[in-house]
Amino acid sequence: MKGIAVVWLQAMIGIFIVSLVYIMFSYVLYGQITPAIYPGIEAINSTSSMVNLTQMNATINLINVVWMMWPLLFIFGLILWAFAASQKREYQTQFA
């Protein structure tokens, strides 16, 4: 029983840490970096004809989508790991 509790405690701590990191870095990404990127892209596009604006926008949108989805995948994997690890049988020994 002790091993199962430790596994789920580690999973809950991991979910808390991932959530905290995601919230802090989302503020930086969406509040400071993204608003600073788009005017720069427009300025580069107006001064240079060598820049492919659609590819730059596609790359930035891909980064945003990956940033939105990675915590969900990580948390799902963490819960799946905790469930699988808690199903392992603990053998009764004479020392327990």
PDB file of N, CA and C in Angstrom:
ATOM      1  N   MET A   1       0.818  -1.194   0.000  1.00  0.00           N
ATOM      2  CA  MET A   1       0.000   0.000   0.000  1.00  0.00           C
ATOM      3  C   MET A   1       0.862   1.259   0.000  1.00  0.00           C
ATOM      4  N   LYS A   2       2.010   1.179   0.652  1.00  0.00           N
ATOM      5  CA  LYS A   2       2.869   2.357   0.742  1.00  0.00           C
ATOM      6  C   LYS A   2       3.404   2.757  -0.622  1.00  0.00           C
ATOM      7  N   GLY A   3       3.728   1.789  -1.458  1.00  0.00           N
ATOM      8  CA  GLY A   3       4.252   2.081  -2.785  1.00  0.00           C
ATOM      9  C   GLY A   3       3.232   2.757  -3.687  1.00  0.00           C
ATOM     10  N   ILE A   4       1.978   2.371  -3.559  1.00  0.00           N
ATOM     11  CA  ILE A   4       0.918   2.969  -4.367  1.00  0.00           C
ATOM     12  C   ILE A   4       0.729   4.436  -3.990  1.00  0.00           C
ATOM     13  N   ALA A   5       0.762   4.713  -2.702  1.00  0.00           N
ATOM     14  CA  ALA A   5       0.601   6.097  -2.245  1.00  0.00           C
ATOM     15  C   ALA A   5       1.750   6.969  -2.730  1.00  0.00           C
ATOM     16  N   VAL A   6       2.948   6.431  -2.729  1.00  0.00           N
ATOM     17  CA  VAL A   6       4.115   7.191  -3.195  1.00  0.00           C
ATOM     18  C   VAL A   6       4.003   7.484  -4.684  1.00  0.00           C
ATOM     19  N   VAL A   7       3.546   6.517  -5.454  1.00  0.00           N
ATOM     20  CA  VAL A   7       3.383   6.714  -6.901  1.00  0.00           C
ATOM     21  C   VAL A   7       2.386   7.823  -7.180  1.00  0.00           C
ATOM     22  N   TRP A   8       1.231   7.786  -6.535  1.00  0.00           N
ATOM     23  CA  TRP A   8       0.213   8.815  -6.782  1.00  0.00           C
ATOM     24  C   TRP A   8       0.627  10.172  -6.227  1.00  0.00           C
ATOM     25  N   LEU A   9       1.381  10.180  -5.145  1.00  0.00           N
ATOM     26  CA  LEU A   9       1.910  11.447  -4.633  1.00  0.00           C
ATOM     27  C   LEU A   9       2.886  12.056  -5.631  1.00  0.00           C
ATOM     28  N   GLN A  10       3.753  11.233  -6.204  1.00  0.00           N
ATOM     29  CA  GLN A  10       4.675  11.735  -7.226  1.00  0.00           C
ATOM     30  C   GLN A  10       3.922  12.249  -8.448  1.00  0.00           C
ATOM     31  N   ALA A  11       2.863  11.564  -8.829  1.00  0.00           N
ATOM     32  CA  ALA A  11       2.060  12.002  -9.980  1.00  0.00           C
ATOM     33  C   ALA A  11       1.396  13.344  -9.689  1.00  0.00           C
ATOM     34  N   MET A  12       0.848  13.520  -8.511  1.00  0.00           N
ATOM     35  CA  MET A  12       0.188  14.786  -8.169  1.00  0.00           C
ATOM     36  C   MET A  12       1.198  15.936  -8.082  1.00  0.00           C
ATOM     37  N   ILE A  13       2.370  15.667  -7.533  1.00  0.00           N
ATOM     38  CA  ILE A  13       3.419  16.697  -7.485  1.00  0.00           C
ATOM     39  C   ILE A  13       3.869  17.054  -8.897  1.00  0.00           C
ATOM     40  N   GLY A  14       4.005  16.051  -9.759  1.00  0.00           N
ATOM     41  CA  GLY A  14       4.374  16.308 -11.151  1.00  0.00           C
ATOM     42  C   GLY A  14       3.340  17.141 -11.879  1.00  0.00           C
ATOM     43  N   ILE A  15       2.061  16.840 -11.669  1.00  0.00           N
ATOM     44  CA  ILE A  15       0.997  17.621 -12.301  1.00  0.00           C
ATOM     45  C   ILE A  15       1.016  19.053 -11.791  1.00  0.00           C
ATOM     46  N   PHE A  16       1.239  19.240 -10.497  1.00  0.00           N
ATOM     47  CA  PHE A  16       1.307  20.583  -9.928  1.00  0.00           C
ATOM     48  C   PHE A  16       2.469  21.372 -10.522  1.00  0.00           C
ATOM     49  N   ILE A  17       3.628  20.751 -10.640  1.00  0.00           N
ATOM     50  CA  ILE A  17       4.810  21.445 -11.172  1.00  0.00           C
ATOM     51  C   ILE A  17       4.604  21.796 -12.647  1.00  0.00           C
ATOM     52  N   VAL A  18       4.075  20.868 -13.430  1.00  0.00           N
ATOM     53  CA  VAL A  18       3.823  21.150 -14.848  1.00  0.00           C
ATOM     54  C   VAL A  18       2.815  22.281 -14.994  1.00  0.00           C
ATOM     55  N   SER A  19       1.775  22.275 -14.180  1.00  0.00           N
ATOM     56  CA  SER A  19       0.776  23.348 -14.245  1.00  0.00           C
ATOM     57  C   SER A  19       1.375  24.692 -13.881  1.00  0.00           C
ATOM     58  N   LEU A  20       2.204  24.707 -12.861  1.00  0.00           N
ATOM     59  CA  LEU A  20       2.841  25.955 -12.432  1.00  0.00           C
ATOM     60  C   LEU A  20       3.780  26.492 -13.506  1.00  0.00           C
ATOM     61  N   VAL A  21       4.589  25.624 -14.093  1.00  0.00           N
ATOM     62  CA  VAL A  21       5.512  26.038 -15.157  1.00  0.00           C
ATOM     63  C   VAL A  21       4.736  26.523 -16.376  1.00  0.00           C
ATOM     64  N   TYR A  22       3.671  25.827 -16.729  1.00  0.00           N
ATOM     65  CA  TYR A  22       2.871  26.217 -17.895  1.00  0.00           C
ATOM     66  C   TYR A  22       2.236  27.590 -17.692  1.00  0.00           C
ATOM     67  N   ILE A  23       1.702  27.831 -16.513  1.00  0.00           N
ATOM     68  CA  ILE A  23       1.069  29.130 -16.239  1.00  0.00           C
ATOM     69  C   ILE A  23       2.096  30.250 -16.292  1.00  0.00           C
ATOM     70  N   MET A  24       3.258  30.043 -15.682  1.00  0.00           N
ATOM     71  CA  MET A  24       4.276  31.104 -15.664  1.00  0.00           C
ATOM     72  C   MET A  24       4.810  31.404 -17.059  1.00  0.00           C
ATOM     73  N   PHE A  25       5.141  30.375 -17.809  1.00  0.00           N
ATOM     74  CA  PHE A  25       5.723  30.611 -19.123  1.00  0.00           C
ATOM     75  C   PHE A  25       4.679  31.007 -20.171  1.00  0.00           C
ATOM     76  N   SER A  26       3.403  30.658 -19.961  1.00  0.00           N
ATOM     77  CA  SER A  26       2.355  31.132 -20.864  1.00  0.00           C
ATOM     78  C   SER A  26       2.200  32.635 -20.760  1.00  0.00           C
ATOM     79  N   TYR A  27       2.323  33.152 -19.542  1.00  0.00           N
ATOM     80  CA  TYR A  27       2.253  34.608 -19.366  1.00  0.00           C
ATOM     81  C   TYR A  27       3.360  35.283 -20.164  1.00  0.00           C
ATOM     82  N   VAL A  28       4.553  34.719 -20.118  1.00  0.00           N
ATOM     83  CA  VAL A  28       5.677  35.304 -20.851  1.00  0.00           C
ATOM     84  C   VAL A  28       5.466  35.161 -22.361  1.00  0.00           C
ATOM     85  N   LEU A  29       5.043  33.983 -22.812  1.00  0.00           N
ATOM     86  CA  LEU A  29       4.875  33.748 -24.249  1.00  0.00           C
ATOM     87  C   LEU A  29       3.758  34.599 -24.843  1.00  0.00           C
ATOM     88  N   TYR A  30       2.587  34.541 -24.237  1.00  0.00           N
ATOM     89  CA  TYR A  30       1.433  35.234 -24.820  1.00  0.00           C
ATOM     90  C   TYR A  30       1.371  36.708 -24.440  1.00  0.00           C
ATOM     91  N   GLY A  31       1.963  37.087 -23.316  1.00  0.00           N
ATOM     92  CA  GLY A  31       1.871  38.469 -22.873  1.00  0.00           C
ATOM     93  C   GLY A  31       3.002  39.357 -23.352  1.00  0.00           C
ATOM     94  N   GLN A  32       4.180  38.763 -23.602  1.00  0.00           N
ATOM     95  CA  GLN A  32       5.335  39.596 -23.929  1.00  0.00           C
ATOM     96  C   GLN A  32       5.997  39.224 -25.253  1.00  0.00           C
ATOM     97  N   ILE A  33       6.190  37.962 -25.509  1.00  0.00           N
ATOM     98  CA  ILE A  33       6.935  37.559 -26.709  1.00  0.00           C
ATOM     99  C   ILE A  33       6.067  37.658 -27.962  1.00  0.00           C
ATOM    100  N   THR A  34       4.867  37.066 -27.939  1.00  0.00           N
ATOM    101  CA  THR A  34       4.019  37.053 -29.127  1.00  0.00           C
ATOM    102  C   THR A  34       3.617  38.453 -29.590  1.00  0.00           C
ATOM    103  N   PRO A  35       3.204  39.355 -28.699  1.00  0.00           N
ATOM    104  CA  PRO A  35       2.889  40.712 -29.183  1.00  0.00           C
ATOM    105  C   PRO A  35       4.097  41.458 -29.744  1.00  0.00           C
ATOM    106  N   ALA A  36       5.293  41.101 -29.320  1.00  0.00           N
ATOM    107  CA  ALA A  36       6.492  41.757 -29.843  1.00  0.00           C
ATOM    108  C   ALA A  36       6.916  41.169 -31.185  1.00  0.00           C
ATOM    109  N   ILE A  37       6.522  39.940 -31.482  1.00  0.00           N
ATOM    110  CA  ILE A  37       6.957  39.284 -32.717  1.00  0.00           C
ATOM    111  C   ILE A  37       6.189  39.809 -33.927  1.00  0.00           C
ATOM    112  N   TYR A  38       4.865  39.939 -33.808  1.00  0.00           N
ATOM    113  CA  TYR A  38       4.059  40.272 -34.982  1.00  0.00           C
ATOM    114  C   TYR A  38       4.371  41.639 -35.596  1.00  0.00           C
ATOM    115  N   PRO A  39       4.570  42.714 -34.827  1.00  0.00           N
ATOM    116  CA  PRO A  39       4.972  43.969 -35.485  1.00  0.00           C
ATOM    117  C   PRO A  39       6.341  43.860 -36.162  1.00  0.00           C
ATOM    118  N   GLY A  40       7.233  43.079 -35.592  1.00  0.00           N
ATOM    119  CA  GLY A  40       8.540  42.866 -36.221  1.00  0.00           C
ATOM    120  C   GLY A  40       8.426  42.127 -37.532  1.00  0.00           C
ATOM    121  N   ILE A  41       7.517  41.155 -37.590  1.00  0.00           N
ATOM    122  CA  ILE A  41       7.306  40.419 -38.839  1.00  0.00           C
ATOM    123  C   ILE A  41       6.757  41.343 -39.916  1.00  0.00           C
ATOM    124  N   GLU A  42       5.807  42.184 -39.542  1.00  0.00           N
ATOM    125  CA  GLU A  42       5.238  43.118 -40.515  1.00  0.00           C
ATOM    126  C   GLU A  42       6.293  44.106 -41.004  1.00  0.00           C
ATOM    127  N   ALA A  43       7.179  44.547 -40.112  1.00  0.00           N
ATOM    128  CA  ALA A  43       8.242  45.479 -40.511  1.00  0.00           C
ATOM    129  C   ALA A  43       9.228  44.793 -41.449  1.00  0.00           C
ATOM    130  N   ILE A  44       9.568  43.549 -41.157  1.00  0.00           N
ATOM    131  CA  ILE A  44      10.483  42.810 -42.033  1.00  0.00           C
ATOM    132  C   ILE A  44       9.836  42.584 -43.394  1.00  0.00           C
ATOM    133  N   ASN A  45       8.548  42.265 -43.395  1.00  0.00           N
ATOM    134  CA  ASN A  45       7.845  42.006 -44.642  1.00  0.00           C
ATOM    135  C   ASN A  45       7.765  43.265 -45.513  1.00  0.00           C
ATOM    136  N   SER A  46       7.602  44.435 -44.894  1.00  0.00           N
ATOM    137  CA  SER A  46       7.488  45.664 -45.683  1.00  0.00           C
ATOM    138  C   SER A  46       8.829  46.130 -46.232  1.00  0.00           C
ATOM    139  N   THR A  47       9.947  45.732 -45.598  1.00  0.00           N
ATOM    140  CA  THR A  47      11.259  46.187 -46.054  1.00  0.00           C
ATOM    141  C   THR A  47      11.972  45.186 -46.940  1.00  0.00           C
ATOM    142  N   SER A  48      11.621  43.911 -46.856  1.00  0.00           N
ATOM    143  CA  SER A  48      12.344  42.891 -47.610  1.00  0.00           C
ATOM    144  C   SER A  48      11.365  42.011 -48.372  1.00  0.00           C
ATOM    145  N   SER A  49      11.667  41.774 -49.622  1.00  0.00           N
ATOM    146  CA  SER A  49      10.816  40.888 -50.416  1.00  0.00           C
ATOM    147  C   SER A  49      11.306  39.445 -50.351  1.00  0.00           C
ATOM    148  N   MET A  50      12.401  39.185 -49.648  1.00  0.00           N
ATOM    149  CA  MET A  50      12.967  37.840 -49.558  1.00  0.00           C
ATOM    150  C   MET A  50      12.310  37.011 -48.453  1.00  0.00           C
ATOM    151  N   VAL A  51      11.524  37.650 -47.607  1.00  0.00           N
ATOM    152  CA  VAL A  51      10.938  36.962 -46.459  1.00  0.00           C
ATOM    153  C   VAL A  51       9.619  36.318 -46.857  1.00  0.00           C
ATOM    154  N   ASN A  52       9.445  35.068 -46.481  1.00  0.00           N
ATOM    155  CA  ASN A  52       8.197  34.349 -46.732  1.00  0.00           C
ATOM    156  C   ASN A  52       7.320  34.488 -45.492  1.00  0.00           C
ATOM    157  N   LEU A  53       6.390  35.442 -45.533  1.00  0.00           N
ATOM    158  CA  LEU A  53       5.568  35.751 -44.371  1.00  0.00           C
ATOM    159  C   LEU A  53       4.636  34.601 -43.994  1.00  0.00           C
ATOM    160  N   THR A  54       4.125  33.880 -44.959  1.00  0.00           N
ATOM    161  CA  THR A  54       3.204  32.786 -44.637  1.00  0.00           C
ATOM    162  C   THR A  54       3.923  31.659 -43.911  1.00  0.00           C
ATOM    163  N   GLN A  55       5.158  31.382 -44.276  1.00  0.00           N
ATOM    164  CA  GLN A  55       5.917  30.343 -43.585  1.00  0.00           C
ATOM    165  C   GLN A  55       6.273  30.777 -42.172  1.00  0.00           C
ATOM    166  N   MET A  56       6.576  32.065 -41.987  1.00  0.00           N
ATOM    167  CA  MET A  56       6.867  32.553 -40.642  1.00  0.00           C
ATOM    168  C   MET A  56       5.634  32.453 -39.757  1.00  0.00           C
ATOM    169  N   ASN A  57       4.482  32.844 -40.280  1.00  0.00           N
ATOM    170  CA  ASN A  57       3.246  32.744 -39.508  1.00  0.00           C
ATOM    171  C   ASN A  57       2.892  31.294 -39.200  1.00  0.00           C
ATOM    172  N   ALA A  58       3.124  30.405 -40.144  1.00  0.00           N
ATOM    173  CA  ALA A  58       2.846  28.981 -39.920  1.00  0.00           C
ATOM    174  C   ALA A  58       3.737  28.425 -38.817  1.00  0.00           C
ATOM    175  N   THR A  59       4.998  28.847 -38.798  1.00  0.00           N
ATOM    176  CA  THR A  59       5.916  28.380 -37.763  1.00  0.00           C
ATOM    177  C   THR A  59       5.519  28.906 -36.394  1.00  0.00           C
ATOM    178  N   ILE A  60       5.142  30.164 -36.330  1.00  0.00           N
ATOM    179  CA  ILE A  60       4.726  30.744 -35.049  1.00  0.00           C
ATOM    180  C   ILE A  60       3.440  30.091 -34.567  1.00  0.00           C
ATOM    181  N   ASN A  61       2.509  29.826 -35.457  1.00  0.00           N
ATOM    182  CA  ASN A  61       1.271  29.145 -35.075  1.00  0.00           C
ATOM    183  C   ASN A  61       1.534  27.720 -34.599  1.00  0.00           C
ATOM    184  N   LEU A  62       2.490  27.029 -35.235  1.00  0.00           N
ATOM    185  CA  LEU A  62       2.861  25.679 -34.795  1.00  0.00           C
ATOM    186  C   LEU A  62       3.447  25.710 -33.394  1.00  0.00           C
ATOM    187  N   ILE A  63       4.296  26.688 -33.118  1.00  0.00           N
ATOM    188  CA  ILE A  63       4.867  26.831 -31.775  1.00  0.00           C
ATOM    189  C   ILE A  63       3.761  27.065 -30.757  1.00  0.00           C
ATOM    190  N   ASN A  64       2.785  27.899 -31.098  1.00  0.00           N
ATOM    191  CA  ASN A  64       1.673  28.155 -30.180  1.00  0.00           C
ATOM    192  C   ASN A  64       0.835  26.905 -29.933  1.00  0.00           C
ATOM    193  N   VAL A  65       0.580  26.122 -30.976  1.00  0.00           N
ATOM    194  CA  VAL A  65      -0.211  24.900 -30.813  1.00  0.00           C
ATOM    195  C   VAL A  65       0.538  23.876 -29.967  1.00  0.00           C
ATOM    196  N   VAL A  66       1.826  23.718 -30.223  1.00  0.00           N
ATOM    197  CA  VAL A  66       2.619  22.780 -29.422  1.00  0.00           C
ATOM    198  C   VAL A  66       2.649  23.236 -27.969  1.00  0.00           C
ATOM    199  N   TRP A  67       2.769  24.544 -27.743  1.00  0.00           N
ATOM    200  CA  TRP A  67       2.795  25.054 -26.373  1.00  0.00           C
ATOM    201  C   TRP A  67       1.462  24.800 -25.669  1.00  0.00           C
ATOM    202  N   MET A  68       0.346  24.867 -26.402  1.00  0.00           N
ATOM    203  CA  MET A  68      -0.945  24.617 -25.780  1.00  0.00           C
ATOM    204  C   MET A  68      -1.151  23.132 -25.477  1.00  0.00           C
ATOM    205  N   MET A  69      -0.574  22.234 -26.273  1.00  0.00           N
ATOM    206  CA  MET A  69      -0.872  20.810 -26.146  1.00  0.00           C
ATOM    207  C   MET A  69       0.101  20.019 -25.283  1.00  0.00           C
ATOM    208  N   TRP A  70       1.350  20.479 -25.081  1.00  0.00           N
ATOM    209  CA  TRP A  70       2.309  19.637 -24.387  1.00  0.00           C
ATOM    210  C   TRP A  70       1.918  19.335 -22.948  1.00  0.00           C
ATOM    211  N   PRO A  71       1.298  20.265 -22.191  1.00  0.00           N
ATOM    212  CA  PRO A  71       0.944  19.871 -20.825  1.00  0.00           C
ATOM    213  C   PRO A  71      -0.132  18.796 -20.779  1.00  0.00           C
ATOM    214  N   LEU A  72      -1.062  18.835 -21.726  1.00  0.00           N
ATOM    215  CA  LEU A  72      -2.098  17.808 -21.741  1.00  0.00           C
ATOM    216  C   LEU A  72      -1.507  16.428 -22.006  1.00  0.00           C
ATOM    217  N   LEU A  73      -0.596  16.352 -22.967  1.00  0.00           N
ATOM    218  CA  LEU A  73       0.041  15.068 -23.265  1.00  0.00           C
ATOM    219  C   LEU A  73       0.888  14.584 -22.091  1.00  0.00           C
ATOM    220  N   PHE A  74       1.617  15.494 -21.464  1.00  0.00           N
ATOM    221  CA  PHE A  74       2.479  15.120 -20.340  1.00  0.00           C
ATOM    222  C   PHE A  74       1.642  14.658 -19.148  1.00  0.00           C
ATOM    223  N   ILE A  75       0.574  15.391 -18.835  1.00  0.00           N
ATOM    224  CA  ILE A  75      -0.272  15.023 -17.699  1.00  0.00           C
ATOM    225  C   ILE A  75      -0.988  13.697 -17.973  1.00  0.00           C
ATOM    226  N   PHE A  76      -1.466  13.494 -19.190  1.00  0.00           N
ATOM    227  CA  PHE A  76      -2.082  12.214 -19.538  1.00  0.00           C
ATOM    228  C   PHE A  76      -1.087  11.069 -19.379  1.00  0.00           C
ATOM    229  N   GLY A  77       0.142  11.264 -19.841  1.00  0.00           N
ATOM    230  CA  GLY A  77       1.174  10.240 -19.681  1.00  0.00           C
ATOM    231  C   GLY A  77       1.524   9.989 -18.231  1.00  0.00           C
ATOM    232  N   LEU A  78       1.540  11.038 -17.433  1.00  0.00           N
ATOM    233  CA  LEU A  78       1.852  10.897 -16.015  1.00  0.00           C
ATOM    234  C   LEU A  78       0.757  10.113 -15.287  1.00  0.00           C
ATOM    235  N   ILE A  79      -0.493  10.396 -15.620  1.00  0.00           N
ATOM    236  CA  ILE A  79      -1.598   9.651 -15.001  1.00  0.00           C
ATOM    237  C   ILE A  79      -1.582   8.199 -15.462  1.00  0.00           C
ATOM    238  N   LEU A  80      -1.295   7.956 -16.730  1.00  0.00           N
ATOM    239  CA  LEU A  80      -1.193   6.586 -17.238  1.00  0.00           C
ATOM    240  C   LEU A  80      -0.061   5.830 -16.548  1.00  0.00           C
ATOM    241  N   TRP A  81       1.091   6.499 -16.359  1.00  0.00           N
ATOM    242  CA  TRP A  81       2.211   5.877 -15.648  1.00  0.00           C
ATOM    243  C   TRP A  81       1.825   5.545 -14.215  1.00  0.00           C
ATOM    244  N   ALA A  82       1.161   6.488 -13.523  1.00  0.00           N
ATOM    245  CA  ALA A  82       0.784   6.255 -12.129  1.00  0.00           C
ATOM    246  C   ALA A  82      -0.198   5.094 -12.021  1.00  0.00           C
ATOM    247  N   PHE A  83      -1.136   5.021 -12.949  1.00  0.00           N
ATOM    248  CA  PHE A  83      -2.087   3.914 -12.928  1.00  0.00           C
ATOM    249  C   PHE A  83      -1.379   2.586 -13.155  1.00  0.00           C
ATOM    250  N   ALA A  84      -0.474   2.548 -14.137  1.00  0.00           N
ATOM    251  CA  ALA A  84       0.248   1.293 -14.425  1.00  0.00           C
ATOM    252  C   ALA A  84       1.177   0.911 -13.277  1.00  0.00           C
ATOM    253  N   ALA A  85       1.850   1.906 -12.675  1.00  0.00           N
ATOM    254  CA  ALA A  85       2.776   1.603 -11.587  1.00  0.00           C
ATOM    255  C   ALA A  85       2.029   1.177 -10.325  1.00  0.00           C
ATOM    256  N   SER A  86       0.823   1.668 -10.123  1.00  0.00           N
ATOM    257  CA  SER A  86       0.085   1.288  -8.925  1.00  0.00           C
ATOM    258  C   SER A  86      -0.570  -0.085  -9.054  1.00  0.00           C
ATOM    259  N   GLN A  87      -0.597  -0.642 -10.244  1.00  0.00           N
ATOM    260  CA  GLN A  87      -1.169  -1.973 -10.439  1.00  0.00           C
ATOM    261  C   GLN A  87      -0.165  -3.085 -10.157  1.00  0.00           C
ATOM    262  N   LYS A  88       1.104  -2.712  -9.991  1.00  0.00           N
ATOM    263  CA  LYS A  88       2.134  -3.719  -9.728  1.00  0.00           C
ATOM    264  C   LYS A  88       1.884  -4.362  -8.359  1.00  0.00           C
ATOM    265  N   ARG A  89       1.959  -5.645  -8.325  1.00  0.00           N
ATOM    266  CA  ARG A  89       1.672  -6.363  -7.086  1.00  0.00           C
ATOM    267  C   ARG A  89       2.835  -6.198  -6.116  1.00  0.00           C
ATOM    268  N   GLU A  90       2.489  -5.915  -4.863  1.00  0.00           N
ATOM    269  CA  GLU A  90       3.488  -5.846  -3.810  1.00  0.00           C
ATOM    270  C   GLU A  90       3.424  -7.147  -3.017  1.00  0.00           C
ATOM    271  N   TYR A  91       4.522  -7.838  -2.987  1.00  0.00           N
ATOM    272  CA  TYR A  91       4.559  -9.124  -2.310  1.00  0.00           C
ATOM    273  C   TYR A  91       4.703  -8.925  -0.807  1.00  0.00           C
ATOM    274  N   GLN A  92       3.993  -9.759  -0.064  1.00  0.00           N
ATOM    275  CA  GLN A  92       4.080  -9.701   1.386  1.00  0.00           C
ATOM    276  C   GLN A  92       5.317 -10.474   1.825  1.00  0.00           C
ATOM    277  N   THR A  93       6.159  -9.807   2.588  1.00  0.00           N
ATOM    278  CA  THR A  93       7.349 -10.474   3.109  1.00  0.00           C
ATOM    279  C   THR A  93       7.252 -10.538   4.629  1.00  0.00           C
ATOM    280  N   GLN A  94       8.156 -11.223   5.227  1.00  0.00           N
ATOM    281  CA  GLN A  94       8.149 -11.334   6.674  1.00  0.00           C
ATOM    282  C   GLN A  94       8.654 -10.069   7.340  1.00  0.00           C
ATOM    283  N   PHE A  95       9.244  -9.167   6.565  1.00  0.00           N
ATOM    284  CA  PHE A  95       9.787  -7.932   7.134  1.00  0.00           C
ATOM    285  C   PHE A  95       8.795  -6.779   7.084  1.00  0.00           C
ATOM    286  N   ALA A  96       7.700  -6.927   6.355  1.00  0.00           N
ATOM    287  CA  ALA A  96       6.749  -5.828   6.208  1.00  0.00           C
ATOM    288  C   ALA A  96       5.715  -5.799   7.291  1.00  0.00           C
TER     289      ALA A  96
END
